[in-house]
Amino acid sequence: TAAAVWVPKLNAHRVTLLPRALLAARATLVLAAGADKAQPLRDVYEGAYDPQRLPIQIIHRHARAVDWYVDTAAAGSLKRRA
């Protein structure tokens, strides 16, 4: 299932897949690029579970297989893991 969502920052609609469609997928790829994604990415990985604010948390925690592709700028605020 998909939906048209209004994005004020872009002053335009965008088409987005809803969680039900992504949870049904055998594999999901997520791309996070740019410094403007650093805080949201940290919130997804290290913040409180709040899927109303960050719907990607549903996919991150409940999808079958999620591969994240993250550039250095987006990953900049994540805590380092050994």
PDB file of N, CA and C in Angstrom:
ATOM      1  N   THR A   1       0.839  -1.170   0.000  1.00  0.00           N
ATOM      2  CA  THR A   1       0.000   0.000   0.000  1.00  0.00           C
ATOM      3  C   THR A   1       0.890   1.243   0.000  1.00  0.00           C
ATOM      4  N   ALA A   2       0.453   2.253  -0.694  1.00  0.00           N
ATOM      5  CA  ALA A   2       1.193   3.509  -0.785  1.00  0.00           C
ATOM      6  C   ALA A   2       0.246   4.666  -0.515  1.00  0.00           C
ATOM      7  N   ALA A   3       0.827   5.820  -0.225  1.00  0.00           N
ATOM      8  CA  ALA A   3       0.030   7.017   0.032  1.00  0.00           C
ATOM      9  C   ALA A   3       0.768   8.238  -0.476  1.00  0.00           C
ATOM     10  N   ALA A   4      -0.005   9.236  -0.880  1.00  0.00           N
ATOM     11  CA  ALA A   4       0.568  10.534  -1.219  1.00  0.00           C
ATOM     12  C   ALA A   4       0.627  11.353   0.064  1.00  0.00           C
ATOM     13  N   VAL A   5       1.802  11.878   0.372  1.00  0.00           N
ATOM     14  CA  VAL A   5       2.014  12.634   1.610  1.00  0.00           C
ATOM     15  C   VAL A   5       2.517  14.022   1.243  1.00  0.00           C
ATOM     16  N   TRP A   6       1.933  15.042   1.856  1.00  0.00           N
ATOM     17  CA  TRP A   6       2.381  16.417   1.637  1.00  0.00           C
ATOM     18  C   TRP A   6       3.627  16.670   2.474  1.00  0.00           C
ATOM     19  N   VAL A   7       4.678  17.190   1.843  1.00  0.00           N
ATOM     20  CA  VAL A   7       5.935  17.494   2.528  1.00  0.00           C
ATOM     21  C   VAL A   7       6.146  19.006   2.470  1.00  0.00           C
ATOM     22  N   PRO A   8       5.830  19.722   3.565  1.00  0.00           N
ATOM     23  CA  PRO A   8       5.958  21.182   3.559  1.00  0.00           C
ATOM     24  C   PRO A   8       7.356  21.673   3.174  1.00  0.00           C
ATOM     25  N   LYS A   9       8.398  20.978   3.652  1.00  0.00           N
ATOM     26  CA  LYS A   9       9.770  21.377   3.361  1.00  0.00           C
ATOM     27  C   LYS A   9      10.037  21.405   1.854  1.00  0.00           C
ATOM     28  N   LEU A  10       9.409  20.488   1.121  1.00  0.00           N
ATOM     29  CA  LEU A  10       9.581  20.415  -0.325  1.00  0.00           C
ATOM     30  C   LEU A  10       8.486  21.152  -1.086  1.00  0.00           C
ATOM     31  N   ASN A  11       7.448  21.553  -0.333  1.00  0.00           N
ATOM     32  CA  ASN A  11       6.278  22.199  -0.934  1.00  0.00           C
ATOM     33  C   ASN A  11       5.698  21.330  -2.054  1.00  0.00           C
ATOM     34  N   ALA A  12       5.621  20.039  -1.768  1.00  0.00           N
ATOM     35  CA  ALA A  12       5.156  19.090  -2.779  1.00  0.00           C
ATOM     36  C   ALA A  12       4.669  17.806  -2.105  1.00  0.00           C
ATOM     37  N   HIS A  13       3.913  17.033  -2.867  1.00  0.00           N
ATOM     38  CA  HIS A  13       3.522  15.704  -2.422  1.00  0.00           C
ATOM     39  C   HIS A  13       4.632  14.724  -2.786  1.00  0.00           C
ATOM     40  N   ARG A  14       4.715  13.636  -2.045  1.00  0.00           N
ATOM     41  CA  ARG A  14       5.595  12.533  -2.408  1.00  0.00           C
ATOM     42  C   ARG A  14       4.807  11.248  -2.186  1.00  0.00           C
ATOM     43  N   VAL A  15       5.195  10.218  -2.884  1.00  0.00           N
ATOM     44  CA  VAL A  15       4.567   8.917  -2.713  1.00  0.00           C
ATOM     45  C   VAL A  15       5.442   8.110  -1.774  1.00  0.00           C
ATOM     46  N   THR A  16       4.823   7.506  -0.782  1.00  0.00           N
ATOM     47  CA  THR A  16       5.569   6.723   0.196  1.00  0.00           C
ATOM     48  C   THR A  16       4.896   5.378   0.407  1.00  0.00           C
ATOM     49  N   LEU A  17       5.693   4.355   0.638  1.00  0.00           N
ATOM     50  CA  LEU A  17       5.145   3.050   0.987  1.00  0.00           C
ATOM     51  C   LEU A  17       4.775   3.063   2.463  1.00  0.00           C
ATOM     52  N   LEU A  18       3.653   2.470   2.769  1.00  0.00           N
ATOM     53  CA  LEU A  18       3.205   2.399   4.153  1.00  0.00           C
ATOM     54  C   LEU A  18       3.827   1.181   4.837  1.00  0.00           C
ATOM     55  N   PRO A  19       3.892   1.192   6.167  1.00  0.00           N
ATOM     56  CA  PRO A  19       4.554   0.108   6.891  1.00  0.00           C
ATOM     57  C   PRO A  19       4.077  -1.290   6.506  1.00  0.00           C
ATOM     58  N   ARG A  20       2.800  -1.460   6.268  1.00  0.00           N
ATOM     59  CA  ARG A  20       2.280  -2.794   5.932  1.00  0.00           C
ATOM     60  C   ARG A  20       2.996  -3.374   4.704  1.00  0.00           C
ATOM     61  N   ALA A  21       3.201  -2.556   3.680  1.00  0.00           N
ATOM     62  CA  ALA A  21       3.879  -3.015   2.465  1.00  0.00           C
ATOM     63  C   ALA A  21       5.340  -3.338   2.755  1.00  0.00           C
ATOM     64  N   LEU A  22       6.005  -2.507   3.530  1.00  0.00           N
ATOM     65  CA  LEU A  22       7.413  -2.735   3.837  1.00  0.00           C
ATOM     66  C   LEU A  22       7.613  -3.951   4.747  1.00  0.00           C
ATOM     67  N   LEU A  23       6.693  -4.153   5.681  1.00  0.00           N
ATOM     68  CA  LEU A  23       6.803  -5.320   6.566  1.00  0.00           C
ATOM     69  C   LEU A  23       6.556  -6.623   5.815  1.00  0.00           C
ATOM     70  N   ALA A  24       5.818  -6.559   4.723  1.00  0.00           N
ATOM     71  CA  ALA A  24       5.551  -7.750   3.914  1.00  0.00           C
ATOM     72  C   ALA A  24       6.711  -8.089   2.979  1.00  0.00           C
ATOM     73  N   ALA A  25       7.626  -7.174   2.798  1.00  0.00           N
ATOM     74  CA  ALA A  25       8.749  -7.390   1.886  1.00  0.00           C
ATOM     75  C   ALA A  25       9.728  -8.417   2.444  1.00  0.00           C
ATOM     76  N   ARG A  26      10.358  -9.187   1.555  1.00  0.00           N
ATOM     77  CA  ARG A  26      11.385 -10.127   1.990  1.00  0.00           C
ATOM     78  C   ARG A  26      12.654  -9.404   2.410  1.00  0.00           C
ATOM     79  N   ALA A  27      12.903  -8.250   1.801  1.00  0.00           N
ATOM     80  CA  ALA A  27      14.084  -7.450   2.135  1.00  0.00           C
ATOM     81  C   ALA A  27      13.753  -5.978   1.901  1.00  0.00           C
ATOM     82  N   THR A  28      14.327  -5.122   2.723  1.00  0.00           N
ATOM     83  CA  THR A  28      14.115  -3.685   2.613  1.00  0.00           C
ATOM     84  C   THR A  28      15.471  -2.999   2.639  1.00  0.00           C
ATOM     85  N   LEU A  29      15.665  -2.049   1.740  1.00  0.00           N
ATOM     86  CA  LEU A  29      16.881  -1.241   1.698  1.00  0.00           C
ATOM     87  C   LEU A  29      16.517   0.174   2.119  1.00  0.00           C
ATOM     88  N   VAL A  30      17.324   0.753   2.993  1.00  0.00           N
ATOM     89  CA  VAL A  30      17.090   2.116   3.460  1.00  0.00           C
ATOM     90  C   VAL A  30      18.342   2.931   3.158  1.00  0.00           C
ATOM     91  N   LEU A  31      18.167   4.075   2.534  1.00  0.00           N
ATOM     92  CA  LEU A  31      19.268   4.978   2.229  1.00  0.00           C
ATOM     93  C   LEU A  31      19.115   6.226   3.082  1.00  0.00           C
ATOM     94  N   ALA A  32      20.162   6.576   3.826  1.00  0.00           N
ATOM     95  CA  ALA A  32      20.185   7.804   4.611  1.00  0.00           C
ATOM     96  C   ALA A  32      21.471   8.538   4.256  1.00  0.00           C
ATOM     97  N   ALA A  33      21.326   9.680   3.602  1.00  0.00           N
ATOM     98  CA  ALA A  33      22.496  10.424   3.145  1.00  0.00           C
ATOM     99  C   ALA A  33      22.359  11.892   3.503  1.00  0.00           C
ATOM    100  N   GLY A  34      23.462  12.471   3.934  1.00  0.00           N
ATOM    101  CA  GLY A  34      23.496  13.895   4.224  1.00  0.00           C
ATOM    102  C   GLY A  34      23.425  14.199   5.704  1.00  0.00           C
ATOM    103  N   ALA A  35      23.991  15.341   6.063  1.00  0.00           N
ATOM    104  CA  ALA A  35      24.046  15.760   7.462  1.00  0.00           C
ATOM    105  C   ALA A  35      22.659  15.978   8.061  1.00  0.00           C
ATOM    106  N   ASP A  36      21.677  16.325   7.215  1.00  0.00           N
ATOM    107  CA  ASP A  36      20.326  16.547   7.731  1.00  0.00           C
ATOM    108  C   ASP A  36      19.665  15.246   8.189  1.00  0.00           C
ATOM    109  N   LYS A  37      20.252  14.105   7.883  1.00  0.00           N
ATOM    110  CA  LYS A  37      19.723  12.811   8.335  1.00  0.00           C
ATOM    111  C   LYS A  37      20.426  12.308   9.594  1.00  0.00           C
ATOM    112  N   ALA A  38      21.460  13.013  10.064  1.00  0.00           N
ATOM    113  CA  ALA A  38      22.239  12.548  11.213  1.00  0.00           C
ATOM    114  C   ALA A  38      21.385  12.409  12.473  1.00  0.00           C
ATOM    115  N   GLN A  39      20.646  13.435  12.835  1.00  0.00           N
ATOM    116  CA  GLN A  39      19.843  13.356  14.057  1.00  0.00           C
ATOM    117  C   GLN A  39      18.689  12.371  13.921  1.00  0.00           C
ATOM    118  N   PRO A  40      17.928  12.388  12.811  1.00  0.00           N
ATOM    119  CA  PRO A  40      16.879  11.371  12.686  1.00  0.00           C
ATOM    120  C   PRO A  40      17.430   9.946  12.737  1.00  0.00           C
ATOM    121  N   LEU A  41      18.581   9.700  12.128  1.00  0.00           N
ATOM    122  CA  LEU A  41      19.172   8.369  12.150  1.00  0.00           C
ATOM    123  C   LEU A  41      19.551   7.981  13.577  1.00  0.00           C
ATOM    124  N   ARG A  42      20.119   8.920  14.302  1.00  0.00           N
ATOM    125  CA  ARG A  42      20.459   8.642  15.709  1.00  0.00           C
ATOM    126  C   ARG A  42      19.194   8.360  16.517  1.00  0.00           C
ATOM    127  N   ASP A  43      18.137   9.122  16.255  1.00  0.00           N
ATOM    128  CA  ASP A  43      16.871   8.894  16.959  1.00  0.00           C
ATOM    129  C   ASP A  43      16.313   7.500  16.665  1.00  0.00           C
ATOM    130  N   VAL A  44      16.443   7.043  15.425  1.00  0.00           N
ATOM    131  CA  VAL A  44      15.966   5.709  15.059  1.00  0.00           C
ATOM    132  C   VAL A  44      16.741   4.642  15.823  1.00  0.00           C
ATOM    133  N   TYR A  45      18.048   4.754  15.838  1.00  0.00           N
ATOM    134  CA  TYR A  45      18.898   3.725  16.446  1.00  0.00           C
ATOM    135  C   TYR A  45      19.008   3.833  17.962  1.00  0.00           C
ATOM    136  N   GLU A  46      19.039   5.042  18.486  1.00  0.00           N
ATOM    137  CA  GLU A  46      19.372   5.222  19.895  1.00  0.00           C
ATOM    138  C   GLU A  46      18.271   5.898  20.711  1.00  0.00           C
ATOM    139  N   GLY A  47      17.249   6.395  20.059  1.00  0.00           N
ATOM    140  CA  GLY A  47      16.197   7.114  20.767  1.00  0.00           C
ATOM    141  C   GLY A  47      15.060   6.215  21.221  1.00  0.00           C
ATOM    142  N   ALA A  48      14.132   6.820  21.914  1.00  0.00           N
ATOM    143  CA  ALA A  48      12.945   6.101  22.371  1.00  0.00           C
ATOM    144  C   ALA A  48      12.099   5.685  21.163  1.00  0.00           C
ATOM    145  N   TYR A  49      11.397   4.572  21.308  1.00  0.00           N
ATOM    146  CA  TYR A  49      10.539   4.083  20.235  1.00  0.00           C
ATOM    147  C   TYR A  49       9.323   5.002  20.121  1.00  0.00           C
ATOM    148  N   ASP A  50       9.233   5.717  19.015  1.00  0.00           N
ATOM    149  CA  ASP A  50       8.147   6.668  18.779  1.00  0.00           C
ATOM    150  C   ASP A  50       7.782   6.632  17.294  1.00  0.00           C
ATOM    151  N   PRO A  51       7.085   5.567  16.849  1.00  0.00           N
ATOM    152  CA  PRO A  51       6.780   5.432  15.428  1.00  0.00           C
ATOM    153  C   PRO A  51       5.816   6.482  14.886  1.00  0.00           C
ATOM    154  N   GLN A  52       5.117   7.195  15.735  1.00  0.00           N
ATOM    155  CA  GLN A  52       4.286   8.309  15.249  1.00  0.00           C
ATOM    156  C   GLN A  52       5.174   9.414  14.690  1.00  0.00           C
ATOM    157  N   ARG A  53       6.302   9.650  15.335  1.00  0.00           N
ATOM    158  CA  ARG A  53       7.254  10.677  14.895  1.00  0.00           C
ATOM    159  C   ARG A  53       8.230  10.133  13.864  1.00  0.00           C
ATOM    160  N   LEU A  54       8.649   8.874  14.037  1.00  0.00           N
ATOM    161  CA  LEU A  54       9.637   8.241  13.160  1.00  0.00           C
ATOM    162  C   LEU A  54       9.094   6.888  12.684  1.00  0.00           C
ATOM    163  N   PRO A  55       8.261   6.877  11.664  1.00  0.00           N
ATOM    164  CA  PRO A  55       7.677   5.611  11.196  1.00  0.00           C
ATOM    165  C   PRO A  55       8.722   4.570  10.777  1.00  0.00           C
ATOM    166  N   ILE A  56       9.909   4.997  10.374  1.00  0.00           N
ATOM    167  CA  ILE A  56      10.949   4.049   9.987  1.00  0.00           C
ATOM    168  C   ILE A  56      11.330   3.134  11.143  1.00  0.00           C
ATOM    169  N   GLN A  57      11.050   3.542  12.378  1.00  0.00           N
ATOM    170  CA  GLN A  57      11.338   2.675  13.518  1.00  0.00           C
ATOM    171  C   GLN A  57      10.540   1.377  13.449  1.00  0.00           C
ATOM    172  N   ILE A  58       9.366   1.411  12.859  1.00  0.00           N
ATOM    173  CA  ILE A  58       8.573   0.191  12.694  1.00  0.00           C
ATOM    174  C   ILE A  58       9.353  -0.803  11.838  1.00  0.00           C
ATOM    175  N   ILE A  59       9.893  -0.309  10.733  1.00  0.00           N
ATOM    176  CA  ILE A  59      10.654  -1.156   9.826  1.00  0.00           C
ATOM    177  C   ILE A  59      11.954  -1.613  10.493  1.00  0.00           C
ATOM    178  N   HIS A  60      12.645  -0.683  11.120  1.00  0.00           N
ATOM    179  CA  HIS A  60      13.926  -0.991  11.778  1.00  0.00           C
ATOM    180  C   HIS A  60      13.769  -2.109  12.806  1.00  0.00           C
ATOM    181  N   ARG A  61      12.697  -2.093  13.548  1.00  0.00           N
ATOM    182  CA  ARG A  61      12.536  -3.066  14.632  1.00  0.00           C
ATOM    183  C   ARG A  61      11.763  -4.320  14.256  1.00  0.00           C
ATOM    184  N   HIS A  62      10.923  -4.255  13.219  1.00  0.00           N
ATOM    185  CA  HIS A  62      10.011  -5.367  12.974  1.00  0.00           C
ATOM    186  C   HIS A  62      10.110  -6.012  11.594  1.00  0.00           C
ATOM    187  N   ALA A  63      10.823  -5.439  10.669  1.00  0.00           N
ATOM    188  CA  ALA A  63      10.925  -6.012   9.324  1.00  0.00           C
ATOM    189  C   ALA A  63      11.805  -7.255   9.329  1.00  0.00           C
ATOM    190  N   ARG A  64      11.593  -8.113   8.340  1.00  0.00           N
ATOM    191  CA  ARG A  64      12.363  -9.365   8.234  1.00  0.00           C
ATOM    192  C   ARG A  64      13.851  -9.101   8.046  1.00  0.00           C
ATOM    193  N   ALA A  65      14.184  -8.284   7.056  1.00  0.00           N
ATOM    194  CA  ALA A  65      15.590  -8.001   6.748  1.00  0.00           C
ATOM    195  C   ALA A  65      15.695  -6.563   6.272  1.00  0.00           C
ATOM    196  N   VAL A  66      16.500  -5.778   6.950  1.00  0.00           N
ATOM    197  CA  VAL A  66      16.693  -4.378   6.584  1.00  0.00           C
ATOM    198  C   VAL A  66      18.190  -4.131   6.404  1.00  0.00           C
ATOM    199  N   ASP A  67      18.554  -3.636   5.244  1.00  0.00           N
ATOM    200  CA  ASP A  67      19.933  -3.230   4.985  1.00  0.00           C
ATOM    201  C   ASP A  67      19.969  -1.718   4.910  1.00  0.00           C
ATOM    202  N   TRP A  68      20.826  -1.118   5.729  1.00  0.00           N
ATOM    203  CA  TRP A  68      20.962   0.336   5.773  1.00  0.00           C
ATOM    204  C   TRP A  68      22.194   0.747   4.976  1.00  0.00           C
ATOM    205  N   TYR A  69      22.023   1.744   4.130  1.00  0.00           N
ATOM    206  CA  TYR A  69      23.130   2.351   3.388  1.00  0.00           C
ATOM    207  C   TYR A  69      23.204   3.798   3.862  1.00  0.00           C
ATOM    208  N   VAL A  70      24.284   4.103   4.590  1.00  0.00           N
ATOM    209  CA  VAL A  70      24.409   5.381   5.282  1.00  0.00           C
ATOM    210  C   VAL A  70      25.750   6.003   4.938  1.00  0.00           C
ATOM    211  N   ASP A  71      25.745   7.284   4.572  1.00  0.00           N
ATOM    212  CA  ASP A  71      27.021   7.942   4.298  1.00  0.00           C
ATOM    213  C   ASP A  71      27.616   8.486   5.595  1.00  0.00           C
ATOM    214  N   THR A  72      28.841   8.964   5.510  1.00  0.00           N
ATOM    215  CA  THR A  72      29.565   9.453   6.688  1.00  0.00           C
ATOM    216  C   THR A  72      28.840  10.613   7.356  1.00  0.00           C
ATOM    217  N   ALA A  73      28.279  11.512   6.574  1.00  0.00           N
ATOM    218  CA  ALA A  73      27.587  12.671   7.146  1.00  0.00           C
ATOM    219  C   ALA A  73      26.368  12.238   7.957  1.00  0.00           C
ATOM    220  N   ALA A  74      25.596  11.307   7.456  1.00  0.00           N
ATOM    221  CA  ALA A  74      24.404  10.839   8.166  1.00  0.00           C
ATOM    222  C   ALA A  74      24.768  10.041   9.409  1.00  0.00           C
ATOM    223  N   ALA A  75      25.863   9.295   9.353  1.00  0.00           N
ATOM    224  CA  ALA A  75      26.273   8.457  10.475  1.00  0.00           C
ATOM    225  C   ALA A  75      27.084   9.224  11.522  1.00  0.00           C
ATOM    226  N   GLY A  76      27.352  10.488  11.273  1.00  0.00           N
ATOM    227  CA  GLY A  76      28.241  11.262  12.117  1.00  0.00           C
ATOM    228  C   GLY A  76      27.862  11.355  13.581  1.00  0.00           C
ATOM    229  N   SER A  77      26.576  11.298  13.921  1.00  0.00           N
ATOM    230  CA  SER A  77      26.203  11.469  15.331  1.00  0.00           C
ATOM    231  C   SER A  77      25.899  10.139  16.035  1.00  0.00           C
ATOM    232  N   LEU A  78      26.075   9.015  15.325  1.00  0.00           N
ATOM    233  CA  LEU A  78      25.854   7.727  15.963  1.00  0.00           C
ATOM    234  C   LEU A  78      26.989   7.402  16.918  1.00  0.00           C
ATOM    235  N   LYS A  79      26.669   6.755  18.019  1.00  0.00           N
ATOM    236  CA  LYS A  79      27.696   6.292  18.935  1.00  0.00           C
ATOM    237  C   LYS A  79      28.470   5.184  18.246  1.00  0.00           C
ATOM    238  N   ARG A  80      29.743   5.166  18.439  1.00  0.00           N
ATOM    239  CA  ARG A  80      30.599   4.140  17.837  1.00  0.00           C
ATOM    240  C   ARG A  80      30.375   2.816  18.550  1.00  0.00           C
ATOM    241  N   ARG A  81      30.312   1.754  17.768  1.00  0.00           N
ATOM    242  CA  ARG A  81      30.155   0.417  18.343  1.00  0.00           C
ATOM    243  C   ARG A  81      31.391  -0.399  18.018  1.00  0.00           C
ATOM    244  N   ALA A  82      31.812  -1.199  18.972  1.00  0.00           N
ATOM    245  CA  ALA A  82      32.992  -2.058  18.762  1.00  0.00           C
ATOM    246  C   ALA A  82      32.629  -3.286  17.979  1.00  0.00           C
TER     247      ALA A  82
END
